[in-house]
């Protein structure tokens, strides 16, 4: 009788140990998959980050273009005999600068609006 009880207990312990091994293995697999997914996700750029950087690059290129126009206007204003062509170029570059100023202002305003937290 004791031998039968011990045999039954031994069988149940083996079953219990097997069950615990399966559960820990399952947690190990799930943890490994989660870690691999987090690692893969961190390697790729997120769409919001890419859009934010592209907006910054576009804003910087507009600012550089504005500075170039400002330099051209300055050079043209230094010319002493100002012909009609030089006056026309100064006016054209001034209009382009004003348009760029509006674009830059609108871009900065839209970026500031998108960065504000929702309340």
Foldseek 3Di string as FASTA:
>chain_A
DVVVVVVVVVVVVVVVVVVVVVVVVVVVVVVVVVVVVVVVVVVDDDPVVVVVVVLVVVLVVLVVVLVVLVVLLVVLVPDDPNDPVSVVSNVVSVVVNVVSVVVNVVSVVVVVVVPDDDD
